[in-house]
Protein backbone atom coordinates (compact mmCIF):
# COMPACT_ATOMS: atom_id res chain seq x y z
CA MET A 1 -27.86 26.37 -77.81
CA LYS A 2 -26.38 26.71 -74.49
CA THR A 3 -28.19 24.99 -71.67
CA ALA A 4 -28.85 26.90 -68.32
CA THR A 5 -26.77 25.78 -65.48
CA PRO A 6 -28.37 24.82 -61.78
CA SER A 7 -27.44 27.97 -60.70
CA MET A 8 -28.01 29.85 -63.51
CA ALA A 9 -31.77 28.65 -62.94
CA ARG A 10 -31.90 29.51 -59.62
CA ALA A 11 -30.48 33.02 -60.19
CA ILE A 12 -33.15 33.19 -62.45
CA ASN A 13 -36.04 31.97 -60.48
CA ASP A 14 -34.93 34.11 -57.13
CA ARG A 15 -34.87 37.39 -59.33
CA LEU A 16 -38.21 35.88 -60.81
CA ALA A 17 -39.70 35.87 -57.50
CA LEU A 18 -37.93 38.93 -55.85
CA ASP A 19 -39.31 40.85 -58.71
CA LEU A 20 -42.92 39.54 -57.74
CA LEU A 21 -42.79 40.73 -54.64
CA LEU A 22 -41.82 43.78 -55.25
CA GLU A 23 -44.54 44.32 -57.46
CA HIS A 24 -47.43 42.60 -55.65
CA GLY A 25 -46.16 43.10 -51.95
CA PRO A 26 -46.15 40.33 -49.52
CA LEU A 27 -47.10 37.20 -51.06
CA THR A 28 -47.84 33.20 -49.65
CA ALA A 29 -45.55 30.40 -51.36
CA PRO A 30 -49.22 29.17 -52.68
CA GLN A 31 -49.10 32.91 -54.64
CA LEU A 32 -45.62 32.62 -55.51
CA ARG A 33 -46.08 28.82 -56.65
CA GLU A 34 -48.77 30.44 -58.65
CA LEU A 35 -47.62 33.37 -60.15
CA THR A 36 -43.56 31.92 -61.39
CA GLY A 37 -45.38 28.70 -62.54
CA LEU A 38 -42.72 26.59 -60.41
CA SER A 39 -43.44 23.46 -58.78
CA ARG A 40 -44.17 23.15 -54.75
CA PRO A 41 -40.03 21.96 -53.82
CA THR A 42 -38.83 24.68 -56.03
CA VAL A 43 -40.22 27.23 -54.70
CA SER A 44 -39.53 26.00 -50.83
CA ASP A 45 -35.99 25.86 -51.85
CA LEU A 46 -36.59 29.37 -53.10
CA ILE A 47 -38.21 30.81 -49.87
CA GLU A 48 -35.03 29.22 -47.73
CA ARG A 49 -32.48 30.34 -49.77
CA LEU A 50 -33.88 34.26 -50.13
CA LYS A 51 -34.64 34.33 -46.27
CA GLY A 52 -30.95 32.97 -45.41
CA GLY A 53 -29.88 35.67 -48.00
CA GLY A 54 -31.23 37.79 -45.90
CA LEU A 55 -33.63 38.94 -48.85
CA ILE A 56 -37.38 38.37 -47.84
CA GLU A 57 -38.34 37.79 -44.45
CA GLU A 58 -41.90 36.69 -43.31
CA ALA A 59 -44.54 39.49 -42.71
CA GLY A 60 -47.42 37.95 -40.99
CA GLU A 61 -50.29 35.26 -42.23
CA ARG A 62 -52.95 35.66 -44.87
CA GLY A 63 -56.64 35.42 -43.52
CA GLU A 64 -57.58 34.64 -40.17
CA ASP A 65 -58.74 31.18 -40.25
CA ARG A 66 -56.00 30.01 -42.21
CA ARG A 67 -52.99 28.71 -39.78
CA GLY A 68 -49.50 26.77 -41.12
CA PRO A 69 -47.22 27.07 -43.82
CA ASN A 70 -49.22 28.37 -46.49
CA ALA A 71 -50.56 30.92 -45.01
CA ARG A 72 -47.23 32.29 -44.19
CA LEU A 73 -46.43 36.01 -46.25
CA TYR A 74 -43.13 36.34 -47.41
CA ALA A 75 -41.71 40.21 -47.79
CA LEU A 76 -38.85 41.76 -49.34
CA VAL A 77 -36.36 43.56 -46.59
CA ALA A 78 -36.98 46.80 -47.73
CA GLY A 79 -34.24 48.14 -45.33
CA ARG A 80 -31.67 46.09 -47.37
CA ALA A 81 -30.49 48.92 -49.42
CA HIS A 82 -31.01 52.77 -49.50
CA VAL A 83 -30.77 54.80 -52.25
CA ALA A 84 -30.32 58.73 -52.93
CA GLY A 85 -31.79 60.78 -55.66
CA VAL A 86 -30.67 64.52 -55.76
CA ASP A 87 -32.05 67.30 -58.07
CA LEU A 88 -29.64 69.76 -58.58
CA ARG A 89 -30.57 73.13 -60.08
CA ARG A 90 -29.39 77.02 -59.77
CA THR A 91 -31.38 77.78 -56.85
CA ALA A 92 -31.60 74.96 -54.56
CA ILE A 93 -30.53 70.94 -54.06
CA LYS A 94 -33.58 68.39 -53.23
CA VAL A 95 -32.74 65.28 -52.11
CA THR A 96 -34.86 61.54 -51.66
CA VAL A 97 -33.38 59.05 -49.74
CA ALA A 98 -35.81 55.85 -50.75
CA ASP A 99 -35.15 52.25 -49.11
CA LEU A 100 -35.15 49.10 -51.53
CA THR A 101 -39.23 48.96 -52.22
CA GLY A 102 -38.91 52.34 -52.96
CA HIS A 103 -40.62 53.79 -49.61
CA VAL A 104 -39.39 57.52 -48.78
CA VAL A 105 -37.67 57.31 -45.57
CA GLY A 106 -35.80 60.61 -45.81
CA SER A 107 -35.36 63.80 -47.57
CA ALA A 108 -34.04 67.10 -47.24
CA VAL A 109 -33.61 70.81 -49.43
CA ARG A 110 -30.99 73.32 -48.90
CA GLU A 111 -30.49 76.68 -51.05
CA ILE A 112 -27.16 76.68 -53.34
CA SER A 113 -24.71 78.47 -51.20
CA GLY A 114 -20.86 77.98 -50.61
CA ASP A 115 -18.83 75.11 -51.71
CA LEU A 116 -20.77 72.84 -53.87
CA VAL A 117 -19.35 69.49 -53.32
CA ALA A 118 -19.63 70.04 -49.48
CA LEU A 119 -23.46 71.01 -50.02
CA VAL A 120 -24.31 68.25 -51.73
CA ALA A 121 -22.76 65.61 -49.44
CA ALA A 122 -24.24 67.72 -46.55
CA THR A 123 -27.65 67.68 -47.75
CA VAL A 124 -27.48 63.76 -48.78
CA ALA A 125 -26.27 63.15 -45.60
CA GLU A 126 -29.09 64.88 -43.62
CA ALA A 127 -31.79 63.27 -45.87
CA ALA A 128 -30.03 59.83 -45.15
CA GLY A 129 -30.34 60.27 -41.62
CA GLY A 130 -27.33 57.67 -40.36
CA ARG A 131 -28.46 55.13 -43.33
CA ALA A 132 -25.60 53.30 -45.74
CA LEU A 133 -26.27 54.47 -49.16
CA ASP A 134 -26.29 52.07 -51.86
CA ASN A 135 -25.62 54.45 -54.50
CA VAL A 136 -26.32 58.23 -55.52
CA VAL A 137 -28.06 59.30 -58.43
CA ILE A 138 -27.61 63.33 -59.61
CA GLY A 139 -30.01 65.02 -62.16
CA ALA A 140 -28.52 68.63 -62.92
CA PRO A 141 -28.51 70.51 -66.35
CA GLY A 142 -26.30 70.22 -68.95
CA LEU A 143 -24.66 67.22 -71.59
CA VAL A 144 -22.94 64.44 -69.38
CA LYS A 145 -20.25 63.19 -71.19
CA PRO A 146 -20.82 59.26 -71.98
CA MET A 147 -17.08 58.87 -71.36
CA ASP A 148 -16.22 60.22 -67.65
CA GLY A 149 -19.87 61.02 -66.53
CA GLU A 150 -18.98 64.59 -66.20
CA LEU A 151 -20.53 67.75 -67.54
CA ALA A 152 -19.34 68.49 -71.23
CA VAL A 153 -19.70 72.41 -70.23
CA ALA A 154 -20.13 73.98 -66.70
CA ASN A 155 -24.07 74.69 -66.70
CA ASP A 156 -25.57 77.53 -64.76
CA VAL A 157 -25.53 75.97 -61.04
CA PRO A 158 -23.55 78.08 -58.80
CA GLY A 159 -20.27 76.69 -57.96
CA TRP A 160 -20.09 73.72 -60.54
CA ARG A 161 -16.49 72.78 -61.79
CA PRO A 162 -14.57 70.25 -63.19
CA GLY A 163 -14.77 66.88 -61.66
CA LEU A 164 -17.75 67.77 -59.20
CA VAL A 165 -19.22 64.55 -59.65
CA GLY A 166 -15.56 62.60 -59.03
CA ALA A 167 -15.12 64.85 -55.84
CA VAL A 168 -18.70 64.18 -54.56
CA ARG A 169 -18.17 60.04 -54.78
CA GLU A 170 -14.93 60.38 -52.42
CA ARG A 171 -16.62 62.56 -49.95
CA LEU A 172 -19.66 60.13 -50.11
CA GLY A 173 -17.47 57.34 -50.03
CA VAL A 174 -20.82 55.41 -52.44
CA PRO A 175 -21.20 55.04 -56.15
CA VAL A 176 -22.60 58.92 -57.34
CA VAL A 177 -23.80 59.12 -61.15
CA LEU A 178 -24.73 61.81 -62.40
CA GLU A 179 -27.82 61.97 -65.26
CA ASN A 180 -29.23 64.98 -67.53
CA GLU A 181 -32.37 66.54 -65.38
CA VAL A 182 -34.48 66.21 -68.44
CA ASN A 183 -33.55 62.63 -68.69
CA LEU A 184 -34.48 61.33 -65.28
CA ALA A 185 -37.95 63.31 -65.20
CA ALA A 186 -38.40 61.47 -68.83
CA VAL A 187 -37.73 58.21 -67.05
CA ALA A 188 -40.09 58.98 -64.10
CA GLU A 189 -42.49 59.47 -67.10
CA LEU A 190 -41.80 56.34 -68.58
CA ARG A 191 -42.67 54.33 -65.83
CA THR A 192 -45.05 56.49 -63.36
CA GLY A 193 -46.44 59.38 -65.89
CA ALA A 194 -48.00 60.10 -69.28
CA ALA A 195 -45.66 57.61 -71.00
CA GLN A 196 -46.45 54.32 -69.44
CA GLY A 197 -47.13 52.02 -71.64
CA SER A 198 -45.22 53.95 -74.51
CA ASP A 199 -41.85 52.56 -75.88
CA ASP A 200 -41.01 55.56 -78.07
CA PHE A 201 -41.79 59.10 -76.74
CA VAL A 202 -40.44 62.51 -76.71
CA LEU A 203 -40.59 64.91 -73.34
CA LEU A 204 -40.48 68.06 -74.24
CA TRP A 205 -39.27 70.09 -70.82
CA LEU A 206 -40.95 73.44 -70.17
CA ASP A 207 -39.44 75.37 -67.14
CA ASP A 208 -36.90 77.60 -65.95
CA GLY A 209 -34.73 75.85 -68.56
CA ILE A 210 -36.22 74.54 -72.00
CA GLY A 211 -34.85 70.71 -72.85
CA ALA A 212 -36.08 67.41 -74.24
CA ALA A 213 -35.67 63.77 -73.87
CA VAL A 214 -35.53 60.95 -76.23
CA VAL A 215 -37.05 57.65 -75.11
CA LEU A 216 -37.15 54.93 -78.03
CA GLY A 217 -37.62 51.27 -77.50
CA GLY A 218 -38.13 52.09 -73.73
CA ARG A 219 -34.72 53.46 -73.23
CA VAL A 220 -33.21 57.08 -72.97
CA ARG A 221 -31.58 57.89 -75.84
CA ARG A 222 -28.22 60.67 -74.97
CA GLY A 223 -26.61 60.43 -78.15
CA ALA A 224 -22.84 60.15 -78.57
CA SER A 225 -21.78 63.19 -76.59
CA GLY A 226 -24.80 63.24 -74.33
CA GLY A 227 -26.70 65.96 -76.15
CA ALA A 228 -29.57 64.12 -77.50
CA GLY A 229 -32.77 66.66 -77.09
CA GLU A 230 -30.93 69.94 -76.52
CA VAL A 231 -33.70 71.58 -78.35
CA GLY A 232 -33.27 74.39 -76.70
CA PHE A 233 -30.68 76.05 -79.21
CA LEU A 234 -32.82 74.99 -81.81
CA ASP A 235 -33.78 77.93 -84.35
CA VAL A 236 -37.15 78.83 -84.94
CA GLU A 237 -38.26 81.83 -87.11
CA GLY A 238 -34.92 83.49 -86.58
CA THR A 239 -34.80 83.00 -82.60
CA PRO A 240 -33.22 80.04 -80.28
CA LEU A 241 -36.47 78.12 -79.25
CA CYS A 242 -35.39 78.45 -75.49
CA ILE A 243 -35.74 82.21 -75.90
CA LEU A 244 -38.71 81.75 -77.88
CA LEU A 245 -40.99 79.96 -75.50
CA GLN A 246 -39.78 82.39 -72.42
CA ASN A 247 -41.01 85.34 -74.66
CA THR A 248 -44.35 84.81 -74.62
CA THR A 249 -47.36 84.18 -72.11
CA ARG A 250 -50.65 83.89 -74.25
CA PRO A 251 -51.52 80.38 -74.27
CA GLU A 252 -52.43 80.33 -78.08
CA GLU A 253 -49.05 81.76 -79.11
CA LEU A 254 -47.33 79.73 -76.46
CA ALA A 255 -48.62 76.40 -78.21
CA ARG A 256 -47.86 77.60 -81.59
CA ARG A 257 -44.40 77.87 -80.73
CA VAL A 258 -44.23 74.57 -78.59
CA ALA A 259 -45.86 72.93 -81.57
CA LYS A 260 -42.60 74.34 -84.01
CA GLY A 261 -39.96 73.08 -81.42
CA VAL A 262 -42.03 69.88 -81.26
CA PHE A 263 -42.43 69.22 -85.07
CA ALA A 264 -38.34 69.02 -85.41
CA PHE A 265 -38.67 65.89 -82.97
CA VAL A 266 -41.88 64.61 -85.11
CA THR A 267 -40.13 64.79 -88.34
CA LEU A 268 -36.65 63.28 -87.38
CA LEU A 269 -38.16 60.63 -84.87
CA ASP A 270 -41.69 59.98 -85.09
CA PRO A 271 -42.23 58.89 -81.73
CA GLY A 272 -45.90 58.87 -82.20
CA LEU A 273 -45.89 60.43 -78.43
CA VAL A 274 -45.08 63.69 -76.76
CA VAL A 275 -45.10 64.40 -73.26
CA LEU A 276 -45.09 67.89 -71.74
CA GLY A 277 -43.19 68.46 -68.64
CA GLY A 278 -42.28 70.91 -66.51
CA ALA A 279 -43.63 73.99 -64.49
CA THR A 280 -45.16 74.86 -67.82
CA GLY A 281 -46.56 71.72 -69.21
CA GLN A 282 -47.73 70.85 -65.86
CA ASP A 283 -49.58 74.37 -65.36
CA GLY A 284 -50.90 74.36 -69.19
CA GLY A 285 -52.19 70.57 -68.52
CA ASP A 286 -54.89 68.82 -70.95
CA GLU A 287 -55.53 72.28 -72.58
CA LEU A 288 -52.34 73.33 -73.66
CA ALA A 289 -51.47 69.81 -74.95
CA GLY A 290 -54.87 69.98 -76.77
CA GLN A 291 -54.04 73.05 -78.12
CA VAL A 292 -49.95 71.74 -79.37
CA ALA A 293 -51.61 68.32 -80.51
CA ALA A 294 -54.14 70.66 -82.87
CA ARG A 295 -51.10 72.90 -84.33
CA LEU A 296 -49.01 69.99 -84.90
CA GLY A 297 -51.48 68.19 -86.82
CA GLU A 298 -51.24 71.02 -89.20
CA LEU A 299 -47.61 70.62 -89.41
CA SER A 300 -47.29 67.15 -90.01
CA PRO A 301 -48.98 63.92 -91.26
CA ALA A 302 -47.55 61.87 -88.65
CA PRO A 303 -49.96 61.38 -85.90
CA THR A 304 -48.64 62.16 -82.90
CA GLU A 305 -50.08 62.49 -79.47
CA VAL A 306 -49.61 64.96 -77.12
CA ARG A 307 -50.20 64.51 -73.44
CA ALA A 308 -49.37 66.72 -70.34
CA THR A 309 -47.09 65.38 -67.68
CA ARG A 310 -48.82 62.87 -65.18
CA VAL A 311 -46.28 63.01 -62.78
CA GLY A 312 -46.86 64.36 -59.44
CA GLY A 313 -44.37 66.14 -57.80
CA ASN A 314 -40.32 66.61 -58.92
CA ALA A 315 -40.15 64.60 -62.18
CA VAL A 316 -36.26 64.43 -61.75
CA LEU A 317 -36.27 63.62 -58.11
CA GLU A 318 -38.43 60.86 -58.92
CA GLY A 319 -36.63 59.82 -61.77
CA ALA A 320 -33.18 59.97 -60.01
CA VAL A 321 -34.43 57.49 -57.04
CA LEU A 322 -35.83 54.79 -60.19
CA THR A 323 -32.90 54.87 -61.73
CA ALA A 324 -30.79 54.47 -58.21
CA LEU A 325 -32.82 51.98 -57.17
CA ASP A 326 -32.78 49.99 -60.64
CA THR A 327 -28.95 49.89 -59.51
CA ALA A 328 -29.34 49.36 -56.20
CA ARG A 329 -31.57 45.97 -56.36
CA ASP A 330 -29.17 44.45 -59.44
CA ASN A 331 -26.15 44.91 -56.73
CA VAL A 332 -28.53 43.36 -53.86
CA TRP A 333 -30.77 40.86 -56.23
């Protein structure tokens, strides 16, 4: 067994303290000792080290009648890094910029027109408002190739072309990562939405496009070619599921058809949970989820819970920001 070196132990303790400050907000030294189980000298050294590195700062004191070192609050330096999440689809590009704590500090929306590389760069710059970015995560429809991070085939976003991600990266001068938009929505459901506490689930995306994301063991599974979850191509009753689901407005019939598509995932993966996302999943809410669950129960013996999305707002954008923040925190911490 390899023994941790002093420098490795310090790095582990630093990361633990930073994660706790991120989760709980400003904390005092006694609170850090209680939450980490570390000794007083170790926490004192840790605080001085993180302050010297520009990672934490004093943020007032705890309690009006308690003065002195033990009452000082320490908080993350939120502006140490900023990230951008991008939702890029057929009609518009939406960008959110957040600081290291996840607090939103800027946003921008533009219609799709003209040169797409220039448009993405300009919209990101507008949302950043002059702030330097650690990294950018773009969510867009399509199969993202694991080898080079570009689309396997062109999507339906006007102006998309091969090498677009690399061109945006060069234009912005920061790391840029492309991810399938439904995969990013699944990240949001896992962290803040209907799938919190569930390591295994499938997100069925019912929106302008039809797709799915597979999460197993708490991780998004993309497949060998990036095509995991492309359920829109699934043949159901002689018709691709993407067409079948867009050709009905009757709730009972919609639920029956959704259950048919979900059944394929339940049969192969037995995820235990299916989340209905996108505009239709959001609008249908618990009623649609309940109807799909009932239909699914008639098709499959595997017990499967069906929930409506719990992510408020734009799940793709939220997932992009969360993914970008994971990278930024690793880089900074």
